[in-house]
Amino acid sequence: MKKFFNDEDGAVTVDWVVLTATLALFPAAIFIYLSGGVSDLTTNVVSAITAEE
């Protein structure tokens, strides 16, 4: 059992998989977080331009 818990073969592969998945999903999370604010900003700009006309 001790040998099993001390065995580190493949640990680097797991680390890289987790790191790569994080780097792939991070931009998507930022996009989802900012998309609502950008939509509201667009609506406000259109309303302001329409009011000026």
PDB file of N, CA and C in Angstrom:
ATOM      1  N   MET A   1       0.829  -1.184   0.000  1.00  0.00           N
ATOM      2  CA  MET A   1       0.000   0.000   0.000  1.00  0.00           C
ATOM      3  C   MET A   1       0.882   1.260   0.000  1.00  0.00           C
ATOM      4  N   LYS A   2       1.963   1.215   0.769  1.00  0.00           N
ATOM      5  CA  LYS A   2       2.867   2.364   0.854  1.00  0.00           C
ATOM      6  C   LYS A   2       3.482   2.661  -0.511  1.00  0.00           C
ATOM      7  N   LYS A   3       3.867   1.601  -1.234  1.00  0.00           N
ATOM      8  CA  LYS A   3       4.435   1.783  -2.570  1.00  0.00           C
ATOM      9  C   LYS A   3       3.415   2.441  -3.513  1.00  0.00           C
ATOM     10  N   PHE A   4       2.156   2.053  -3.398  1.00  0.00           N
ATOM     11  CA  PHE A   4       1.104   2.620  -4.243  1.00  0.00           C
ATOM     12  C   PHE A   4       0.951   4.130  -4.018  1.00  0.00           C
ATOM     13  N   PHE A   5       0.929   4.567  -2.769  1.00  0.00           N
ATOM     14  CA  PHE A   5       0.748   5.988  -2.467  1.00  0.00           C
ATOM     15  C   PHE A   5       1.978   6.830  -2.784  1.00  0.00           C
ATOM     16  N   ASN A   6       3.156   6.217  -2.800  1.00  0.00           N
ATOM     17  CA  ASN A   6       4.381   6.951  -3.112  1.00  0.00           C
ATOM     18  C   ASN A   6       4.689   6.973  -4.601  1.00  0.00           C
ATOM     19  N   ASP A   7       3.973   6.204  -5.392  1.00  0.00           N
ATOM     20  CA  ASP A   7       4.199   6.154  -6.830  1.00  0.00           C
ATOM     21  C   ASP A   7       3.674   7.436  -7.473  1.00  0.00           C
ATOM     22  N   GLU A   8       4.553   8.148  -8.197  1.00  0.00           N
ATOM     23  CA  GLU A   8       4.169   9.423  -8.798  1.00  0.00           C
ATOM     24  C   GLU A   8       4.148   9.367 -10.320  1.00  0.00           C
ATOM     25  N   ASP A   9       4.216   8.202 -10.912  1.00  0.00           N
ATOM     26  CA  ASP A   9       4.158   8.086 -12.367  1.00  0.00           C
ATOM     27  C   ASP A   9       2.809   8.563 -12.878  1.00  0.00           C
ATOM     28  N   GLY A  10       2.834   9.410 -13.880  1.00  0.00           N
ATOM     29  CA  GLY A  10       1.608   9.921 -14.471  1.00  0.00           C
ATOM     30  C   GLY A  10       1.076  11.173 -13.809  1.00  0.00           C
ATOM     31  N   ALA A  11       1.680  11.610 -12.717  1.00  0.00           N
ATOM     32  CA  ALA A  11       1.181  12.791 -12.015  1.00  0.00           C
ATOM     33  C   ALA A  11       1.345  14.049 -12.862  1.00  0.00           C
ATOM     34  N   VAL A  12       2.431  14.108 -13.634  1.00  0.00           N
ATOM     35  CA  VAL A  12       2.657  15.279 -14.483  1.00  0.00           C
ATOM     36  C   VAL A  12       1.589  15.363 -15.566  1.00  0.00           C
ATOM     37  N   THR A  13       1.191  14.228 -16.079  1.00  0.00           N
ATOM     38  CA  THR A  13       0.145  14.207 -17.104  1.00  0.00           C
ATOM     39  C   THR A  13      -1.162  14.750 -16.547  1.00  0.00           C
ATOM     40  N   VAL A  14      -1.511  14.353 -15.359  1.00  0.00           N
ATOM     41  CA  VAL A  14      -2.738  14.845 -14.728  1.00  0.00           C
ATOM     42  C   VAL A  14      -2.643  16.344 -14.509  1.00  0.00           C
ATOM     43  N   ASP A  15      -1.494  16.832 -14.049  1.00  0.00           N
ATOM     44  CA  ASP A  15      -1.313  18.265 -13.846  1.00  0.00           C
ATOM     45  C   ASP A  15      -1.497  19.036 -15.149  1.00  0.00           C
ATOM     46  N   TRP A  16      -0.937  18.525 -16.246  1.00  0.00           N
ATOM     47  CA  TRP A  16      -1.053  19.212 -17.525  1.00  0.00           C
ATOM     48  C   TRP A  16      -2.487  19.201 -18.047  1.00  0.00           C
ATOM     49  N   VAL A  17      -3.195  18.121 -17.820  1.00  0.00           N
ATOM     50  CA  VAL A  17      -4.598  18.049 -18.257  1.00  0.00           C
ATOM     51  C   VAL A  17      -5.423  19.088 -17.513  1.00  0.00           C
ATOM     52  N   VAL A  18      -5.234  19.182 -16.215  1.00  0.00           N
ATOM     53  CA  VAL A  18      -5.984  20.162 -15.416  1.00  0.00           C
ATOM     54  C   VAL A  18      -5.599  21.580 -15.822  1.00  0.00           C
ATOM     55  N   LEU A  19      -4.312  21.843 -16.000  1.00  0.00           N
ATOM     56  CA  LEU A  19      -3.849  23.173 -16.406  1.00  0.00           C
ATOM     57  C   LEU A  19      -4.390  23.552 -17.784  1.00  0.00           C
ATOM     58  N   THR A  20      -4.352  22.644 -18.724  1.00  0.00           N
ATOM     59  CA  THR A  20      -4.847  22.912 -20.076  1.00  0.00           C
ATOM     60  C   THR A  20      -6.356  23.156 -20.071  1.00  0.00           C
ATOM     61  N   ALA A  21      -7.091  22.378 -19.317  1.00  0.00           N
ATOM     62  CA  ALA A  21      -8.541  22.579 -19.236  1.00  0.00           C
ATOM     63  C   ALA A  21      -8.863  23.935 -18.629  1.00  0.00           C
ATOM     64  N   THR A  22      -8.108  24.329 -17.612  1.00  0.00           N
ATOM     65  CA  THR A  22      -8.318  25.646 -16.995  1.00  0.00           C
ATOM     66  C   THR A  22      -8.043  26.760 -17.990  1.00  0.00           C
ATOM     67  N   LEU A  23      -6.948  26.648 -18.710  1.00  0.00           N
ATOM     68  CA  LEU A  23      -6.608  27.685 -19.688  1.00  0.00           C
ATOM     69  C   LEU A  23      -7.603  27.733 -20.844  1.00  0.00           C
ATOM     70  N   ALA A  24      -8.206  26.611 -21.175  1.00  0.00           N
ATOM     71  CA  ALA A  24      -9.194  26.585 -22.253  1.00  0.00           C
ATOM     72  C   ALA A  24     -10.528  27.165 -21.807  1.00  0.00           C
ATOM     73  N   LEU A  25     -10.910  26.945 -20.555  1.00  0.00           N
ATOM     74  CA  LEU A  25     -12.218  27.392 -20.076  1.00  0.00           C
ATOM     75  C   LEU A  25     -12.209  28.808 -19.516  1.00  0.00           C
ATOM     76  N   PHE A  26     -11.052  29.327 -19.156  1.00  0.00           N
ATOM     77  CA  PHE A  26     -10.962  30.658 -18.561  1.00  0.00           C
ATOM     78  C   PHE A  26     -11.479  31.752 -19.505  1.00  0.00           C
ATOM     79  N   PRO A  27     -11.077  31.798 -20.782  1.00  0.00           N
ATOM     80  CA  PRO A  27     -11.643  32.823 -21.681  1.00  0.00           C
ATOM     81  C   PRO A  27     -13.154  32.690 -21.856  1.00  0.00           C
ATOM     82  N   ALA A  28     -13.661  31.472 -21.869  1.00  0.00           N
ATOM     83  CA  ALA A  28     -15.109  31.280 -21.996  1.00  0.00           C
ATOM     84  C   ALA A  28     -15.830  31.830 -20.771  1.00  0.00           C
ATOM     85  N   ALA A  29     -15.270  31.624 -19.602  1.00  0.00           N
ATOM     86  CA  ALA A  29     -15.882  32.149 -18.377  1.00  0.00           C
ATOM     87  C   ALA A  29     -15.872  33.674 -18.382  1.00  0.00           C
ATOM     88  N   ILE A  30     -14.788  34.267 -18.830  1.00  0.00           N
ATOM     89  CA  ILE A  30     -14.712  35.728 -18.910  1.00  0.00           C
ATOM     90  C   ILE A  30     -15.744  36.250 -19.899  1.00  0.00           C
ATOM     91  N   PHE A  31     -15.884  35.591 -21.033  1.00  0.00           N
ATOM     92  CA  PHE A  31     -16.858  36.013 -22.038  1.00  0.00           C
ATOM     93  C   PHE A  31     -18.276  35.967 -21.474  1.00  0.00           C
ATOM     94  N   ILE A  32     -18.612  34.891 -20.781  1.00  0.00           N
ATOM     95  CA  ILE A  32     -19.954  34.762 -20.202  1.00  0.00           C
ATOM     96  C   ILE A  32     -20.180  35.838 -19.150  1.00  0.00           C
ATOM     97  N   TYR A  33     -19.165  36.112 -18.340  1.00  0.00           N
ATOM     98  CA  TYR A  33     -19.284  37.117 -17.282  1.00  0.00           C
ATOM     99  C   TYR A  33     -19.483  38.516 -17.864  1.00  0.00           C
ATOM    100  N   LEU A  34     -18.777  38.836 -18.946  1.00  0.00           N
ATOM    101  CA  LEU A  34     -18.840  40.186 -19.507  1.00  0.00           C
ATOM    102  C   LEU A  34     -19.965  40.386 -20.517  1.00  0.00           C
ATOM    103  N   SER A  35     -20.528  39.332 -21.054  1.00  0.00           N
ATOM    104  CA  SER A  35     -21.508  39.472 -22.129  1.00  0.00           C
ATOM    105  C   SER A  35     -22.755  40.233 -21.691  1.00  0.00           C
ATOM    106  N   GLY A  36     -23.213  40.042 -20.481  1.00  0.00           N
ATOM    107  CA  GLY A  36     -24.397  40.762 -20.009  1.00  0.00           C
ATOM    108  C   GLY A  36     -24.142  42.251 -19.899  1.00  0.00           C
ATOM    109  N   GLY A  37     -22.992  42.645 -19.395  1.00  0.00           N
ATOM    110  CA  GLY A  37     -22.654  44.060 -19.270  1.00  0.00           C
ATOM    111  C   GLY A  37     -22.494  44.730 -20.619  1.00  0.00           C
ATOM    112  N   VAL A  38     -21.918  44.020 -21.567  1.00  0.00           N
ATOM    113  CA  VAL A  38     -21.739  44.577 -22.908  1.00  0.00           C
ATOM    114  C   VAL A  38     -23.092  44.769 -23.575  1.00  0.00           C
ATOM    115  N   SER A  39     -23.990  43.843 -23.369  1.00  0.00           N
ATOM    116  CA  SER A  39     -25.332  43.964 -23.932  1.00  0.00           C
ATOM    117  C   SER A  39     -26.059  45.176 -23.356  1.00  0.00           C
ATOM    118  N   ASP A  40     -25.956  45.381 -22.049  1.00  0.00           N
ATOM    119  CA  ASP A  40     -26.575  46.543 -21.409  1.00  0.00           C
ATOM    120  C   ASP A  40     -25.954  47.842 -21.913  1.00  0.00           C
ATOM    121  N   LEU A  41     -24.648  47.844 -22.066  1.00  0.00           N
ATOM    122  CA  LEU A  41     -23.956  49.034 -22.560  1.00  0.00           C
ATOM    123  C   LEU A  41     -24.408  49.360 -23.981  1.00  0.00           C
ATOM    124  N   THR A  42     -24.540  48.339 -24.807  1.00  0.00           N
ATOM    125  CA  THR A  42     -25.004  48.546 -26.181  1.00  0.00           C
ATOM    126  C   THR A  42     -26.402  49.152 -26.199  1.00  0.00           C
ATOM    127  N   THR A  43     -27.278  48.644 -25.370  1.00  0.00           N
ATOM    128  CA  THR A  43     -28.639  49.180 -25.280  1.00  0.00           C
ATOM    129  C   THR A  43     -28.612  50.635 -24.847  1.00  0.00           C
ATOM    130  N   ASN A  44     -27.786  50.984 -23.883  1.00  0.00           N
ATOM    131  CA  ASN A  44     -27.700  52.369 -23.403  1.00  0.00           C
ATOM    132  C   ASN A  44     -27.153  53.287 -24.485  1.00  0.00           C
ATOM    133  N   VAL A  45     -26.169  52.848 -25.238  1.00  0.00           N
ATOM    134  CA  VAL A  45     -25.596  53.672 -26.312  1.00  0.00           C
ATOM    135  C   VAL A  45     -26.624  53.899 -27.408  1.00  0.00           C
ATOM    136  N   VAL A  46     -27.345  52.851 -27.786  1.00  0.00           N
ATOM    137  CA  VAL A  46     -28.382  53.000 -28.817  1.00  0.00           C
ATOM    138  C   VAL A  46     -29.464  53.964 -28.347  1.00  0.00           C
ATOM    139  N   SER A  47     -29.859  53.881 -27.090  1.00  0.00           N
ATOM    140  CA  SER A  47     -30.875  54.778 -26.566  1.00  0.00           C
ATOM    141  C   SER A  47     -30.391  56.234 -26.565  1.00  0.00           C
ATOM    142  N   ALA A  48     -29.135  56.439 -26.204  1.00  0.00           N
ATOM    143  CA  ALA A  48     -28.578  57.786 -26.179  1.00  0.00           C
ATOM    144  C   ALA A  48     -28.480  58.373 -27.580  1.00  0.00           C
ATOM    145  N   ILE A  49     -28.064  57.579 -28.531  1.00  0.00           N
ATOM    146  CA  ILE A  49     -27.965  58.064 -29.914  1.00  0.00           C
ATOM    147  C   ILE A  49     -29.341  58.362 -30.475  1.00  0.00           C
ATOM    148  N   THR A  50     -30.316  57.516 -30.183  1.00  0.00           N
ATOM    149  CA  THR A  50     -31.686  57.728 -30.646  1.00  0.00           C
ATOM    150  C   THR A  50     -32.258  59.011 -30.026  1.00  0.00           C
ATOM    151  N   ALA A  51     -31.967  59.265 -28.775  1.00  0.00           N
ATOM    152  CA  ALA A  51     -32.474  60.463 -28.100  1.00  0.00           C
ATOM    153  C   ALA A  51     -31.861  61.728 -28.698  1.00  0.00           C
ATOM    154  N   GLU A  52     -30.631  61.659 -29.156  1.00  0.00           N
ATOM    155  CA  GLU A  52     -29.963  62.830 -29.748  1.00  0.00           C
ATOM    156  C   GLU A  52     -30.522  63.170 -31.122  1.00  0.00           C
ATOM    157  N   GLU A  53     -31.040  62.170 -31.820  1.00  0.00           N
ATOM    158  CA  GLU A  53     -31.585  62.404 -33.158  1.00  0.00           C
ATOM    159  C   GLU A  53     -32.891  63.102 -32.999  1.00  0.00           C
TER     160      GLU A  53
END
